[in-house]
C-alpha atoms as a PDB file:
ATOM      1  CA  MET A   1     -12.266-121.729 -24.886  1.00  0.00           C
ATOM      2  CA  HIS A   2     -15.228-121.541 -27.248  1.00  0.00           C
ATOM      3  CA  VAL A   3     -14.237-124.816 -28.931  1.00  0.00           C
ATOM      4  CA  LEU A   4     -13.796-126.525 -25.562  1.00  0.00           C
ATOM      5  CA  TYR A   5     -17.215-125.276 -24.484  1.00  0.00           C
ATOM      6  CA  GLU A   6     -18.823-126.667 -27.635  1.00  0.00           C
ATOM      7  CA  ILE A   7     -17.169-130.098 -27.633  1.00  0.00           C
ATOM      8  CA  CYS A   8     -17.143-130.835 -23.906  1.00  0.00           C
ATOM      9  CA  PRO A   9     -20.626-131.103 -22.368  1.00  0.00           C
ATOM     10  CA  TYR A  10     -19.242-130.776 -18.836  1.00  0.00           C
ATOM     11  CA  TRP A  11     -18.243-127.136 -19.340  1.00  0.00           C
ATOM     12  CA  LYS A  12     -21.626-126.263 -20.799  1.00  0.00           C
ATOM     13  CA  PHE A  13     -23.417-128.093 -17.959  1.00  0.00           C
ATOM     14  CA  ALA A  14     -21.328-126.349 -15.299  1.00  0.00           C
ATOM     15  CA  TYR A  15     -21.953-122.864 -16.695  1.00  0.00           C
ATOM     16  CA  THR A  16     -25.636-123.510 -17.350  1.00  0.00           C
ATOM     17  CA  SER A  17     -26.153-124.884 -13.835  1.00  0.00           C
ATOM     18  CA  ALA A  18     -24.280-122.022 -12.184  1.00  0.00           C
ATOM     19  CA  ASN A  19     -26.234-119.440 -14.187  1.00  0.00           C
ATOM     20  CA  ALA A  20     -29.563-121.074 -13.264  1.00  0.00           C
ATOM     21  CA  ILE A  21     -28.681-121.053  -9.561  1.00  0.00           C
ATOM     22  CA  LEU A  22     -27.566-117.413  -9.693  1.00  0.00           C
ATOM     23  CA  LYS A  23     -30.687-116.382 -11.573  1.00  0.00           C
ATOM     24  CA  GLU A  24     -32.904-118.108  -9.008  1.00  0.00           C
ATOM     25  CA  ALA A  25     -31.018-116.579  -6.056  1.00  0.00           C
ATOM     26  CA  MET A  26     -31.423-113.039  -7.342  1.00  0.00           C
ATOM     27  CA  GLU A  27     -34.876-113.439  -8.852  1.00  0.00           C
ATOM     28  CA  ASP A  28     -36.486-110.334  -7.299  1.00  0.00           C
ATOM     29  CA  LYS A  29     -33.362-108.278  -6.652  1.00  0.00           C
ATOM     30  CA  PRO A  30     -33.188-104.859  -8.358  1.00  0.00           C
ATOM     31  CA  ARG A  31     -29.362-104.752  -8.190  1.00  0.00           C
ATOM     32  CA  VAL A  32     -26.830-107.531  -8.685  1.00  0.00           C
ATOM     33  CA  HIS A  33     -23.053-107.373  -8.271  1.00  0.00           C
ATOM     34  CA  ILE A  34     -21.046-110.446  -9.250  1.00  0.00           C
ATOM     35  CA  VAL A  35     -17.339-110.752  -8.459  1.00  0.00           C
ATOM     36  CA  ASP A  36     -15.650-113.344 -10.673  1.00  0.00           C
ATOM     37  CA  PHE A  37     -12.171-114.455  -9.654  1.00  0.00           C
ATOM     38  CA  GLN A  38     -10.191-115.867 -12.589  1.00  0.00           C
ATOM     39  CA  ILE A  39     -12.657-114.400 -15.083  1.00  0.00           C
ATOM     40  CA  ALA A  40     -10.409-115.067 -18.115  1.00  0.00           C
ATOM     41  CA  GLN A  41     -12.526-114.087 -21.147  1.00  0.00           C
ATOM     42  CA  GLY A  42     -15.808-113.747 -19.261  1.00  0.00           C
ATOM     43  CA  SER A  43     -17.755-115.418 -22.058  1.00  0.00           C
ATOM     44  CA  GLN A  44     -19.652-117.552 -19.539  1.00  0.00           C
ATOM     45  CA  TRP A  45     -21.648-114.473 -18.561  1.00  0.00           C
ATOM     46  CA  VAL A  46     -23.239-113.879 -21.986  1.00  0.00           C
ATOM     47  CA  PRO A  47     -26.099-116.425 -21.540  1.00  0.00           C
ATOM     48  CA  PHE A  48     -26.688-115.169 -17.995  1.00  0.00           C
ATOM     49  CA  ILE A  49     -27.022-111.558 -19.150  1.00  0.00           C
ATOM     50  CA  GLN A  50     -29.345-112.640 -21.958  1.00  0.00           C
ATOM     51  CA  SER A  51     -31.569-114.505 -19.487  1.00  0.00           C
ATOM     52  CA  LEU A  52     -31.758-111.418 -17.256  1.00  0.00           C
ATOM     53  CA  ALA A  53     -32.800-109.319 -20.247  1.00  0.00           C
ATOM     54  CA  ARG A  54     -35.639-111.765 -21.012  1.00  0.00           C
ATOM     55  CA  ARG A  55     -37.093-111.857 -17.512  1.00  0.00           C
ATOM     56  CA  PRO A  56     -40.441-110.093 -17.011  1.00  0.00           C
ATOM     57  CA  GLY A  57     -40.424-106.538 -15.764  1.00  0.00           C
ATOM     58  CA  VAL A  58     -37.400-104.307 -15.558  1.00  0.00           C
ATOM     59  CA  PRO A  59     -34.050-106.102 -15.700  1.00  0.00           C
ATOM     60  CA  PRO A  60     -31.852-105.558 -12.650  1.00  0.00           C
ATOM     61  CA  PHE A  61     -28.890-103.238 -12.551  1.00  0.00           C
ATOM     62  CA  LEU A  62     -25.982-105.593 -13.139  1.00  0.00           C
ATOM     63  CA  CYS A  63     -22.324-105.114 -12.291  1.00  0.00           C
ATOM     64  CA  ILE A  64     -19.742-107.808 -12.999  1.00  0.00           C
ATOM     65  CA  THR A  65     -16.283-107.288 -11.558  1.00  0.00           C
ATOM     66  CA  GLY A  66     -13.695-109.564 -13.118  1.00  0.00           C
ATOM     67  CA  ILE A  67     -10.432-110.291 -11.360  1.00  0.00           C
ATOM     68  CA  ASP A  68      -7.825-112.138 -13.388  1.00  0.00           C
ATOM     69  CA  ASP A  69      -4.548-113.177 -11.778  1.00  0.00           C
ATOM     70  CA  ARG A  70      -1.663-112.643 -14.202  1.00  0.00           C
ATOM     71  CA  SER A  71       1.043-113.303 -11.627  1.00  0.00           C
ATOM     72  CA  ARG A  72       4.051-115.429 -12.521  1.00  0.00           C
ATOM     73  CA  TYR A  73       2.708-118.162 -10.280  1.00  0.00           C
ATOM     74  CA  MET A  74      -0.655-118.386 -12.081  1.00  0.00           C
ATOM     75  CA  LEU A  75       1.032-118.269 -15.497  1.00  0.00           C
ATOM     76  CA  GLY A  76       3.173-121.272 -14.534  1.00  0.00           C
ATOM     77  CA  GLU A  77       6.475-119.408 -14.650  1.00  0.00           C
ATOM     78  CA  VAL A  78       7.398-120.271 -11.056  1.00  0.00           C
ATOM     79  CA  GLY A  79       8.499-123.856 -10.344  1.00  0.00           C
END
């Protein structure tokens, strides 16, 4: 996933855009809870967490709940 992120600008753009929108939406919120369906490795959240840590004042309380579907259907084992 890391290699794909580095060589394909679309992935980087999508994650960067999503993180910017989320950051703007919760700008003054003291608590943030994100639920990520199909989280996989969750590496897309690292830049977001770093940006929250750099914002002025006290960073918000952050909770990220990752839900990853490991069913046979999602793994492609069901025709």
